[in-house]
Amino acid sequence: MRLVLEDGEPRLRHSPPPPLAGEPAVLIEVELAGLCRSDLKEVAGTRYGPSQFGHELVGTVRESTARDLPEGTRVVLDPNVVVDRGSGFADRMRVAGPAQLLRRALPVVPGGTDARRLVFAEPLACARHCLSAVERRLGCLAGARIAVLGAGTAGLLIACLARLAGAEAVLANRGAERLAAVRAAGLLDGPVVAYDDLADARADAAVVATSFVVPEVLRHALRAVVPGGLVMLYGGTAPGDALPGLDCDLDAVRRTEGLAAARWHGRPVRVAGSYGTTPHDFAAAVSVLTDPSAPLAAERTVTREVTLGRLHTLLRDRGTALPPGKILVRPAPPP
């Protein structure tokens, strides 16, 4: 059983995955999947770029023709590595491709950690990649003042990693409901404020981690940074995106992970982008999630679990109008 997008509609299919024929391939039994904001964008038809539908998951290899991924190996998925795969919203998912790419696409994770925590490996790897890009531009995170705009899963994880790196991080959002949900989760040891309460010209860097880099949020980020400060674009962009008064191609900067010098209301500012992940990001994310002394308990952000058989109904009836917090998807009801 799997959930796929056909003609923009989520549809439940009961046909088995293709056989493991031809190039190296594995069949993964999915333990748990996470519903990502980009999945909702794909359902709504507002996401630009290749499909990554159903990419936050943790599972176990049950069949394999890949030497480096034997049966019994527990894995997560890096959706930025191009391989032939099905939807991760499934009880079983086939993944095939050249051996080297297949190994990169399926980072190995520990067997003893709860799937409700490991399912955050991919979003945390993306957050770590973003923060590493900030660190490269600033030189050091320890003692840096970081404002993160957008209190969804991505923004919250970026702010948590910034705090772990010794930065002075503040998390901001427009809606009071999401701010309340973040505070209730108790994952971030730091201030959580409304956009209007961000101090002017105080942050060394501001990360725009909303679903889309929209003008309203970008303006708040630009006013929050010091002269010459860094605005890091993490949220979604599309070709042609720009902000009047800021001489910068937002989509090009984000997708190439570039750096542009610009001016905003007469003040110098640097605009940079974060896009994708590396194997090092996944290794670092898993290390943070499984740190024996102080693991990042990302599962605190989970507010709902649904079965795979109910997910298409949820997406059809609610679309993108879902409450704050992470929704997890189980192939079968929990025991």
Protein backbone atom coordinates (compact mmCIF):
# COMPACT_ATOMS: atom_id res chain seq x y z
CA MET A 1 0.00 0.00 0.00
CA ARG A 2 1.28 3.46 -0.84
CA LEU A 3 0.07 7.04 -1.25
CA VAL A 4 0.97 8.71 -4.54
CA LEU A 5 0.19 11.98 -6.29
CA GLU A 6 -1.69 11.51 -9.55
CA ASP A 7 -2.88 14.60 -11.44
CA GLY A 8 -2.26 16.60 -8.29
CA GLU A 9 -4.48 14.37 -6.16
CA PRO A 10 -3.30 12.06 -3.35
CA ARG A 11 -4.44 8.53 -4.17
CA LEU A 12 -4.02 5.29 -2.23
CA ARG A 13 -2.69 2.38 -4.28
CA HIS A 14 -2.52 -1.27 -3.22
CA SER A 15 -0.28 -2.74 -5.94
CA PRO A 16 3.10 -4.14 -4.78
CA PRO A 17 6.40 -2.35 -5.48
CA PRO A 18 8.30 -3.36 -8.63
CA PRO A 19 10.70 -6.33 -8.27
CA LEU A 20 14.38 -5.82 -7.46
CA ALA A 21 15.62 -6.35 -11.00
CA GLY A 22 18.38 -4.70 -13.02
CA GLU A 23 20.61 -2.24 -11.17
CA PRO A 24 21.25 -2.48 -7.41
CA ALA A 25 18.03 -2.07 -5.45
CA VAL A 26 16.53 -2.48 -2.01
CA LEU A 27 13.03 -2.96 -0.64
CA ILE A 28 12.50 -0.95 2.53
CA GLU A 29 9.85 -1.72 5.10
CA VAL A 30 8.80 1.74 6.27
CA GLU A 31 8.50 2.05 10.04
CA LEU A 32 7.38 5.65 10.18
CA ALA A 33 7.11 8.68 7.90
CA GLY A 34 6.78 12.38 8.58
CA LEU A 35 4.50 14.80 6.75
CA CYS A 36 6.65 17.69 5.54
CA ARG A 37 5.55 21.16 4.49
CA SER A 38 6.99 20.45 1.03
CA ASP A 39 4.61 17.47 0.76
CA LEU A 40 1.72 19.85 1.38
CA LYS A 41 3.10 22.21 -1.26
CA GLU A 42 3.14 19.38 -3.77
CA VAL A 43 -0.46 18.52 -2.97
CA ALA A 44 -1.39 22.17 -3.43
CA GLY A 45 0.67 22.48 -6.63
CA THR A 46 2.75 25.35 -5.24
CA ARG A 47 6.17 23.68 -4.99
CA TYR A 48 8.74 24.45 -7.66
CA GLY A 49 11.28 21.74 -8.53
CA PRO A 50 11.39 17.93 -8.75
CA SER A 51 8.96 15.91 -6.67
CA GLN A 52 10.16 14.63 -3.31
CA PHE A 53 6.75 13.45 -2.10
CA GLY A 54 7.07 11.26 0.98
CA HIS A 55 10.74 11.74 1.88
CA GLU A 56 10.86 11.96 5.70
CA LEU A 57 11.04 8.34 6.80
CA VAL A 58 12.85 5.66 8.73
CA GLY A 59 12.74 2.01 7.70
CA THR A 60 14.54 -1.31 7.46
CA VAL A 61 15.94 -3.05 4.38
CA ARG A 62 14.00 -6.30 3.90
CA GLU A 63 15.29 -7.32 0.46
CA SER A 64 18.50 -6.20 -1.21
CA THR A 65 20.69 -6.66 -4.25
CA ALA A 66 23.00 -3.87 -3.03
CA ARG A 67 26.15 -5.14 -1.32
CA ASP A 68 26.52 -2.09 0.95
CA LEU A 69 22.89 -2.24 2.15
CA PRO A 70 22.25 -5.80 3.35
CA GLU A 71 18.95 -7.02 4.73
CA GLY A 72 18.29 -5.76 8.24
CA THR A 73 20.00 -2.38 7.70
CA ARG A 74 18.04 0.51 9.20
CA VAL A 75 18.01 3.64 7.04
CA VAL A 76 16.57 7.08 6.45
CA LEU A 77 16.27 8.84 3.08
CA ASP A 78 18.19 11.73 1.52
CA PRO A 79 15.74 12.91 -1.17
CA ASN A 80 18.33 15.17 -2.82
CA VAL A 81 20.25 12.14 -4.15
CA VAL A 82 18.63 11.24 -7.47
CA VAL A 83 17.68 7.56 -7.49
CA ASP A 84 14.64 5.63 -8.66
CA ARG A 85 12.25 5.42 -5.74
CA GLY A 86 8.61 5.33 -4.89
CA SER A 87 6.68 7.34 -2.33
CA GLY A 88 7.86 7.06 1.27
CA PHE A 89 4.19 7.15 2.30
CA ALA A 90 4.02 3.39 1.95
CA ASP A 91 4.34 0.14 3.83
CA ARG A 92 7.19 -0.83 1.48
CA MET A 93 9.32 1.36 -0.79
CA ARG A 94 11.63 0.23 -3.59
CA VAL A 95 14.80 2.26 -4.14
CA ALA A 96 17.18 1.53 -7.04
CA GLY A 97 20.20 3.12 -8.65
CA PRO A 98 23.98 2.94 -9.03
CA ALA A 99 25.53 1.44 -5.90
CA GLN A 100 27.34 4.64 -4.86
CA LEU A 101 24.22 6.80 -5.23
CA LEU A 102 22.05 4.21 -3.52
CA ARG A 103 24.31 4.22 -0.48
CA ARG A 104 24.28 8.03 -0.32
CA ALA A 105 20.50 8.15 -0.71
CA LEU A 106 19.97 5.81 2.25
CA PRO A 107 22.04 6.92 5.25
CA VAL A 108 22.35 4.15 7.83
CA VAL A 109 20.97 4.87 11.30
CA PRO A 110 21.14 3.02 14.67
CA GLY A 111 18.78 0.18 15.39
CA GLY A 112 18.04 1.00 19.01
CA THR A 113 16.64 4.53 18.70
CA ASP A 114 12.90 5.19 18.61
CA ALA A 115 11.60 5.78 15.08
CA ARG A 116 9.65 8.79 16.38
CA ARG A 117 13.00 10.50 16.88
CA LEU A 118 14.92 9.15 13.88
CA VAL A 119 12.19 10.26 11.48
CA PHE A 120 13.54 13.77 12.10
CA ALA A 121 16.95 12.88 10.62
CA GLU A 122 16.19 14.41 7.21
CA PRO A 123 14.70 17.73 8.40
CA LEU A 124 17.48 18.03 10.98
CA ALA A 125 20.12 17.37 8.29
CA CYS A 126 18.59 20.19 6.23
CA ALA A 127 18.66 22.46 9.28
CA ARG A 128 22.28 21.56 9.94
CA HIS A 129 23.20 22.29 6.31
CA CYS A 130 21.60 25.72 6.59
CA LEU A 131 23.35 26.53 9.83
CA SER A 132 26.69 25.36 8.41
CA ALA A 133 26.19 27.84 5.58
CA VAL A 134 25.56 30.59 8.13
CA GLU A 135 28.71 29.58 10.00
CA ARG A 136 30.81 29.75 6.81
CA ARG A 137 29.62 33.31 6.20
CA LEU A 138 30.03 34.50 9.81
CA GLY A 139 33.21 32.60 10.64
CA CYS A 140 31.91 31.32 13.98
CA LEU A 141 28.54 30.59 15.57
CA ALA A 142 29.61 30.76 19.21
CA GLY A 143 28.41 34.10 20.55
CA ALA A 144 26.71 35.07 17.27
CA ARG A 145 23.24 36.58 17.38
CA ILE A 146 20.91 34.60 15.12
CA ALA A 147 17.27 35.41 14.35
CA VAL A 148 15.25 32.57 12.81
CA LEU A 149 12.02 33.62 11.12
CA GLY A 150 9.43 30.87 10.79
CA ALA A 151 8.56 28.59 13.71
CA GLY A 152 7.66 25.46 11.78
CA THR A 153 9.73 22.30 12.08
CA ALA A 154 12.60 23.71 10.00
CA GLY A 155 12.86 27.00 11.85
CA LEU A 156 12.62 25.34 15.24
CA LEU A 157 15.36 22.81 14.42
CA ILE A 158 17.64 25.54 13.01
CA ALA A 159 17.19 27.59 16.19
CA CYS A 160 17.87 24.52 18.38
CA LEU A 161 21.09 23.72 16.51
CA ALA A 162 22.16 27.35 16.73
CA ARG A 163 21.73 27.25 20.50
CA LEU A 164 23.68 24.00 20.71
CA ALA A 165 26.50 25.69 18.76
CA GLY A 166 26.68 28.50 21.31
CA ALA A 167 24.77 31.14 19.38
CA GLU A 168 22.27 33.55 20.91
CA ALA A 169 19.22 32.44 18.94
CA VAL A 170 15.72 33.90 18.85
CA LEU A 171 12.83 32.23 17.02
CA ALA A 172 10.10 34.41 15.52
CA ASN A 173 6.76 33.77 13.84
CA ARG A 174 3.67 35.70 12.82
CA GLY A 175 0.89 33.46 14.13
CA ALA A 176 0.23 33.18 17.87
CA GLU A 177 -0.99 29.58 17.52
CA ARG A 178 2.36 28.38 16.18
CA LEU A 179 4.29 30.37 18.77
CA ALA A 180 2.19 28.75 21.49
CA ALA A 181 2.83 25.28 20.02
CA VAL A 182 6.60 25.86 20.00
CA ARG A 183 6.60 27.02 23.60
CA ALA A 184 4.46 24.05 24.63
CA ALA A 185 6.87 21.58 23.00
CA GLY A 186 9.67 22.89 25.23
CA LEU A 187 12.38 21.92 22.73
CA LEU A 188 14.03 25.33 22.36
CA ASP A 189 15.88 26.90 25.26
CA GLY A 190 15.57 30.45 24.03
CA PRO A 191 13.16 33.30 23.27
CA VAL A 192 10.17 32.76 20.97
CA VAL A 193 8.62 36.04 19.79
CA ALA A 194 6.35 37.63 17.21
CA TYR A 195 7.92 39.21 14.13
CA ASP A 196 7.08 42.69 15.34
CA ASP A 197 9.02 42.05 18.55
CA LEU A 198 12.31 41.33 16.78
CA ALA A 199 14.82 44.04 17.62
CA ASP A 200 16.03 46.25 14.77
CA ALA A 201 19.62 45.90 13.55
CA ARG A 202 20.73 43.50 16.27
CA ALA A 203 21.17 40.07 14.65
CA ASP A 204 24.42 39.08 12.94
CA ALA A 205 22.35 36.76 10.75
CA ALA A 206 18.67 36.19 10.07
CA VAL A 207 17.45 32.88 8.61
CA VAL A 208 14.22 33.00 6.61
CA ALA A 209 12.79 29.52 7.32
CA THR A 210 9.14 30.05 6.42
CA SER A 211 7.49 27.78 3.84
CA PHE A 212 8.10 30.44 1.21
CA VAL A 213 10.39 33.47 1.23
CA VAL A 214 7.61 36.05 1.11
CA PRO A 215 8.18 39.84 1.08
CA GLU A 216 6.69 40.46 4.52
CA VAL A 217 9.02 38.02 6.26
CA LEU A 218 12.04 39.05 4.22
CA ARG A 219 11.51 42.68 5.22
CA HIS A 220 11.50 41.68 8.89
CA ALA A 221 14.73 39.73 8.36
CA LEU A 222 16.40 42.67 6.63
CA ARG A 223 15.52 45.10 9.40
CA ALA A 224 16.64 42.62 12.07
CA VAL A 225 20.26 42.32 10.90
CA VAL A 226 23.10 44.72 11.63
CA PRO A 227 24.60 46.73 8.74
CA GLY A 228 26.52 44.26 6.62
CA GLY A 229 24.67 41.39 8.32
CA LEU A 230 23.65 38.14 6.68
CA VAL A 231 20.16 37.13 5.53
CA MET A 232 20.06 33.39 4.81
CA LEU A 233 17.32 32.14 2.49
CA TYR A 234 16.08 28.69 3.49
CA GLY A 235 12.37 28.78 2.64
CA GLY A 236 10.95 28.00 -0.78
CA THR A 237 11.57 30.24 -3.78
CA ALA A 238 10.68 30.21 -7.48
CA PRO A 239 12.33 31.70 -10.57
CA GLY A 240 11.82 35.44 -10.73
CA ASP A 241 11.33 35.93 -7.00
CA ALA A 242 12.57 39.35 -5.94
CA LEU A 243 11.91 42.04 -3.36
CA PRO A 244 11.53 45.61 -4.66
CA GLY A 245 14.36 47.72 -3.30
CA LEU A 246 16.69 44.74 -2.85
CA ASP A 247 18.88 44.07 -5.89
CA CYS A 248 19.03 40.30 -5.59
CA ASP A 249 17.73 37.27 -7.52
CA LEU A 250 16.36 35.36 -4.53
CA ASP A 251 15.79 32.03 -6.26
CA ALA A 252 19.21 31.97 -7.93
CA VAL A 253 20.99 32.82 -4.68
CA ARG A 254 19.14 30.10 -2.75
CA ARG A 255 19.46 27.28 -5.28
CA THR A 256 23.14 27.93 -6.01
CA GLU A 257 23.89 28.58 -2.33
CA GLY A 258 25.42 31.82 -3.48
CA LEU A 259 26.22 35.08 -1.71
CA ALA A 260 25.08 38.48 -2.96
CA ALA A 261 26.06 41.92 -1.68
CA ALA A 262 23.10 44.28 -1.74
CA ARG A 263 21.68 47.35 -0.05
CA TRP A 264 18.40 47.76 1.80
CA HIS A 265 17.20 51.27 2.57
CA GLY A 266 20.76 52.50 2.18
CA ARG A 267 22.28 49.87 4.49
CA PRO A 268 24.64 47.15 3.24
CA VAL A 269 23.42 43.56 3.60
CA ARG A 270 24.58 40.14 2.45
CA VAL A 271 22.05 37.65 1.09
CA ALA A 272 22.95 33.94 0.93
CA GLY A 273 21.15 30.68 0.24
CA SER A 274 20.88 27.17 1.63
CA TYR A 275 19.79 24.29 -0.58
CA GLY A 276 20.02 20.54 -0.11
CA THR A 277 22.20 18.44 2.18
CA THR A 278 25.45 16.45 2.27
CA PRO A 279 26.28 13.07 3.83
CA HIS A 280 28.07 14.96 6.62
CA ASP A 281 24.81 16.74 7.46
CA PHE A 282 23.01 13.42 7.95
CA ALA A 283 25.81 12.05 10.09
CA ALA A 284 25.73 15.18 12.24
CA ALA A 285 21.93 15.08 12.52
CA VAL A 286 21.87 11.46 13.64
CA SER A 287 24.64 12.21 16.14
CA VAL A 288 22.60 15.03 17.69
CA LEU A 289 19.44 12.91 17.82
CA THR A 290 21.24 9.98 19.49
CA ASP A 291 23.70 11.87 21.72
CA PRO A 292 23.76 9.72 24.87
CA SER A 293 24.37 12.69 27.15
CA ALA A 294 21.78 15.14 25.78
CA PRO A 295 19.86 13.99 22.68
CA LEU A 296 17.68 16.44 20.81
CA ALA A 297 14.20 15.09 21.60
CA ALA A 298 12.61 16.28 18.37
CA GLU A 299 9.62 13.98 18.90
CA ARG A 300 8.30 16.55 21.38
CA THR A 301 7.01 18.48 18.38
CA VAL A 302 4.74 15.61 17.27
CA THR A 303 1.10 16.56 17.70
CA ARG A 304 -0.64 13.81 15.73
CA GLU A 305 -0.15 10.34 14.27
CA VAL A 306 -2.27 8.95 11.44
CA THR A 307 -2.27 5.63 9.62
CA LEU A 308 -1.29 5.44 5.99
CA GLY A 309 -4.82 4.46 5.10
CA ARG A 310 -6.12 7.72 6.57
CA LEU A 311 -3.47 10.09 5.22
CA HIS A 312 -5.08 10.62 1.81
CA THR A 313 -8.36 11.52 3.51
CA LEU A 314 -6.58 14.02 5.76
CA LEU A 315 -4.83 15.66 2.80
CA ARG A 316 -7.97 15.68 0.69
CA ASP A 317 -10.15 17.19 3.41
CA ARG A 318 -7.67 19.56 5.04
CA GLY A 319 -5.15 20.32 2.29
CA THR A 320 -2.48 22.66 3.67
CA ALA A 321 -4.76 23.94 6.47
CA LEU A 322 -3.18 21.72 9.13
CA PRO A 323 -2.51 22.69 12.75
CA PRO A 324 1.03 23.40 14.02
CA GLY A 325 3.29 20.53 14.99
CA LYS A 326 4.64 17.47 13.23
CA ILE A 327 2.27 14.84 11.86
CA LEU A 328 3.63 11.30 11.65
CA VAL A 329 2.33 8.55 9.37
CA ARG A 330 2.35 4.86 10.31
CA PRO A 331 1.87 2.14 7.67
CA ALA A 332 -0.37 0.31 10.16
CA PRO A 333 -2.02 1.22 13.48
CA PRO A 334 0.45 1.21 16.37
CA PRO A 335 0.27 -1.90 18.58
